[in-house]
């Protein structure tokens, strides 16, 4: 992780196409958060389609190790934009899931 080899991990998981990794990926997320490895954490969250937590991680990246308010505005504003994109994507996913649930219940009745 420290050498930013997360793409190799993602490719391995995709190649084996199994849900057994989900439990382990959650532990990896916890580890990355404890180690304050927020960039890797966000990559993993996006890979897992965990857009809500990826948005919160973007906000953490926005404020993490900041020195001045100018630093926040000029150099880190992109993290807030990324957070907004993640939350919007999560909203779309939620709406699509709700439509599927409604269709399922209509089918059952």
C-alpha atoms as a PDB file:
ATOM      1  CA  UNK A   1       0.000   0.000   0.000  1.00  0.00           C
ATOM      2  CA  UNK A   2       2.771   2.430   0.830  1.00  0.00           C
ATOM      3  CA  UNK A   3       4.176   1.939  -2.651  1.00  0.00           C
ATOM      4  CA  UNK A   4       0.741   2.642  -4.162  1.00  0.00           C
ATOM      5  CA  UNK A   5       0.258  -0.811  -5.666  1.00  0.00           C
ATOM      6  CA  UNK A   6      -3.475  -0.803  -5.052  1.00  0.00           C
ATOM      7  CA  UNK A   7      -4.170  -1.331  -8.752  1.00  0.00           C
ATOM      8  CA  UNK A   8      -2.517  -4.761  -8.523  1.00  0.00           C
ATOM      9  CA  UNK A   9      -4.822  -5.664  -5.634  1.00  0.00           C
ATOM     10  CA  UNK A  10      -7.888  -4.490  -7.551  1.00  0.00           C
ATOM     11  CA  UNK A  11      -6.891  -6.414 -10.675  1.00  0.00           C
ATOM     12  CA  UNK A  12      -6.375  -9.572  -8.640  1.00  0.00           C
ATOM     13  CA  UNK A  13      -9.791  -9.261  -7.023  1.00  0.00           C
ATOM     14  CA  UNK A  14     -11.488  -8.596 -10.354  1.00  0.00           C
ATOM     15  CA  UNK A  15      -9.717 -11.539 -11.970  1.00  0.00           C
ATOM     16  CA  UNK A  16     -10.966 -13.913  -9.291  1.00  0.00           C
ATOM     17  CA  UNK A  17     -14.464 -12.396  -9.274  1.00  0.00           C
ATOM     18  CA  UNK A  18     -15.478 -13.582  -5.834  1.00  0.00           C
ATOM     19  CA  UNK A  19     -17.401 -11.986  -2.986  1.00  0.00           C
ATOM     20  CA  UNK A  20     -15.201 -13.651  -0.393  1.00  0.00           C
ATOM     21  CA  UNK A  21     -12.903 -10.628  -0.491  1.00  0.00           C
ATOM     22  CA  UNK A  22     -15.561  -8.245   0.839  1.00  0.00           C
ATOM     23  CA  UNK A  23     -14.927  -9.112   4.472  1.00  0.00           C
ATOM     24  CA  UNK A  24     -11.170  -8.684   4.032  1.00  0.00           C
ATOM     25  CA  UNK A  25     -11.561  -5.422   2.131  1.00  0.00           C
ATOM     26  CA  UNK A  26     -13.486  -3.935   5.051  1.00  0.00           C
ATOM     27  CA  UNK A  27     -10.593  -4.803   7.377  1.00  0.00           C
ATOM     28  CA  UNK A  28      -8.175  -3.212   4.911  1.00  0.00           C
ATOM     29  CA  UNK A  29     -10.317  -0.054   4.936  1.00  0.00           C
ATOM     30  CA  UNK A  30     -10.130   0.046   8.727  1.00  0.00           C
ATOM     31  CA  UNK A  31      -6.361  -0.389   8.617  1.00  0.00           C
ATOM     32  CA  UNK A  32      -5.914   2.349   6.006  1.00  0.00           C
ATOM     33  CA  UNK A  33      -8.031   4.730   8.055  1.00  0.00           C
ATOM     34  CA  UNK A  34      -6.054   3.991  11.231  1.00  0.00           C
ATOM     35  CA  UNK A  35      -2.785   4.576   9.355  1.00  0.00           C
ATOM     36  CA  UNK A  36      -4.173   7.804   7.853  1.00  0.00           C
ATOM     37  CA  UNK A  37      -3.543   6.490   4.335  1.00  0.00           C
ATOM     38  CA  UNK A  38      -6.534   8.369   2.996  1.00  0.00           C
ATOM     39  CA  UNK A  39      -5.660   8.343  -0.707  1.00  0.00           C
ATOM     40  CA  UNK A  40      -5.399   4.551  -0.760  1.00  0.00           C
ATOM     41  CA  UNK A  41      -8.502   4.298   1.408  1.00  0.00           C
ATOM     42  CA  UNK A  42     -10.492   6.376  -1.036  1.00  0.00           C
ATOM     43  CA  UNK A  43      -9.317   4.304  -3.996  1.00  0.00           C
ATOM     44  CA  UNK A  44     -10.432   1.145  -2.222  1.00  0.00           C
ATOM     45  CA  UNK A  45     -13.784   2.650  -1.233  1.00  0.00           C
ATOM     46  CA  UNK A  46     -14.455   3.685  -4.816  1.00  0.00           C
ATOM     47  CA  UNK A  47     -13.478   0.217  -6.004  1.00  0.00           C
ATOM     48  CA  UNK A  48     -15.996  -1.227  -3.551  1.00  0.00           C
ATOM     49  CA  UNK A  49     -18.656   1.249  -4.772  1.00  0.00           C
ATOM     50  CA  UNK A  50     -18.813   2.671  -1.248  1.00  0.00           C
ATOM     51  CA  UNK A  51     -19.489   6.189  -2.450  1.00  0.00           C
ATOM     52  CA  UNK A  52     -20.740   7.577   0.859  1.00  0.00           C
ATOM     53  CA  UNK A  53     -17.542   6.707   2.739  1.00  0.00           C
ATOM     54  CA  UNK A  54     -15.429   7.770  -0.253  1.00  0.00           C
ATOM     55  CA  UNK A  55     -17.126  11.173  -0.024  1.00  0.00           C
ATOM     56  CA  UNK A  56     -16.331  11.443   3.664  1.00  0.00           C
ATOM     57  CA  UNK A  57     -12.749  10.400   2.953  1.00  0.00           C
ATOM     58  CA  UNK A  58     -12.528  13.215   0.385  1.00  0.00           C
ATOM     59  CA  UNK A  59     -13.624  15.659   3.058  1.00  0.00           C
ATOM     60  CA  UNK A  60     -10.960  14.226   5.381  1.00  0.00           C
ATOM     61  CA  UNK A  61      -8.354  14.685   2.633  1.00  0.00           C
ATOM     62  CA  UNK A  62      -9.512  18.285   2.303  1.00  0.00           C
ATOM     63  CA  UNK A  63      -8.708  19.045   5.943  1.00  0.00           C
ATOM     64  CA  UNK A  64      -5.868  16.561   6.615  1.00  0.00           C
ATOM     65  CA  UNK A  65      -2.432  18.165   7.210  1.00  0.00           C
ATOM     66  CA  UNK A  66      -3.576  21.573   6.089  1.00  0.00           C
ATOM     67  CA  UNK A  67      -1.414  24.516   7.023  1.00  0.00           C
ATOM     68  CA  UNK A  68      -3.489  27.585   6.190  1.00  0.00           C
ATOM     69  CA  UNK A  69      -6.925  28.467   4.926  1.00  0.00           C
ATOM     70  CA  UNK A  70      -5.343  29.574   1.668  1.00  0.00           C
ATOM     71  CA  UNK A  71      -3.903  26.064   1.384  1.00  0.00           C
ATOM     72  CA  UNK A  72      -7.409  24.658   1.789  1.00  0.00           C
ATOM     73  CA  UNK A  73      -8.889  26.919  -0.836  1.00  0.00           C
ATOM     74  CA  UNK A  74      -6.180  27.001  -3.486  1.00  0.00           C
ATOM     75  CA  UNK A  75      -4.724  23.499  -3.311  1.00  0.00           C
ATOM     76  CA  UNK A  76      -7.412  21.279  -1.833  1.00  0.00           C
ATOM     77  CA  UNK A  77     -10.708  22.449  -3.248  1.00  0.00           C
ATOM     78  CA  UNK A  78     -10.668  19.493  -5.652  1.00  0.00           C
ATOM     79  CA  UNK A  79     -11.245  17.166  -2.681  1.00  0.00           C
ATOM     80  CA  UNK A  80     -14.566  18.856  -1.949  1.00  0.00           C
ATOM     81  CA  UNK A  81     -15.525  18.535  -5.604  1.00  0.00           C
ATOM     82  CA  UNK A  82     -14.681  14.824  -5.442  1.00  0.00           C
ATOM     83  CA  UNK A  83     -16.785  14.482  -2.282  1.00  0.00           C
ATOM     84  CA  UNK A  84     -19.738  16.084  -4.032  1.00  0.00           C
ATOM     85  CA  UNK A  85     -19.341  13.709  -6.984  1.00  0.00           C
ATOM     86  CA  UNK A  86     -19.244  10.713  -4.640  1.00  0.00           C
ATOM     87  CA  UNK A  87     -22.385  11.818  -2.791  1.00  0.00           C
ATOM     88  CA  UNK A  88     -24.194  12.460  -6.083  1.00  0.00           C
ATOM     89  CA  UNK A  89     -23.219   9.017  -7.335  1.00  0.00           C
ATOM     90  CA  UNK A  90     -24.463   7.464  -4.085  1.00  0.00           C
ATOM     91  CA  UNK A  91     -27.768   9.304  -4.510  1.00  0.00           C
ATOM     92  CA  UNK A  92     -28.177   7.941  -8.038  1.00  0.00           C
ATOM     93  CA  UNK A  93     -27.376   4.401  -6.849  1.00  0.00           C
ATOM     94  CA  UNK A  94     -29.924   4.734  -4.039  1.00  0.00           C
ATOM     95  CA  UNK A  95     -32.609   5.966  -6.426  1.00  0.00           C
ATOM     96  CA  UNK A  96     -31.928   3.086  -8.838  1.00  0.00           C
ATOM     97  CA  UNK A  97     -32.114   0.589  -5.978  1.00  0.00           C
ATOM     98  CA  UNK A  98     -35.427   2.051  -4.835  1.00  0.00           C
ATOM     99  CA  UNK A  99     -36.851   1.695  -8.357  1.00  0.00           C
ATOM    100  CA  UNK A 100     -35.752  -1.961  -8.461  1.00  0.00           C
ATOM    101  CA  UNK A 101     -37.372  -2.609  -5.068  1.00  0.00           C
ATOM    102  CA  UNK A 102     -40.610  -0.958  -6.181  1.00  0.00           C
ATOM    103  CA  UNK A 103     -40.663  -3.054  -9.359  1.00  0.00           C
ATOM    104  CA  UNK A 104     -40.067  -6.192  -7.348  1.00  0.00           C
ATOM    105  CA  UNK A 105     -42.992  -5.477  -5.033  1.00  0.00           C
ATOM    106  CA  UNK A 106     -45.229  -4.658  -7.992  1.00  0.00           C
ATOM    107  CA  UNK A 107     -44.208  -7.988  -9.527  1.00  0.00           C
ATOM    108  CA  UNK A 108     -45.088  -9.828  -6.306  1.00  0.00           C
ATOM    109  CA  UNK A 109     -48.555  -8.301  -6.036  1.00  0.00           C
END
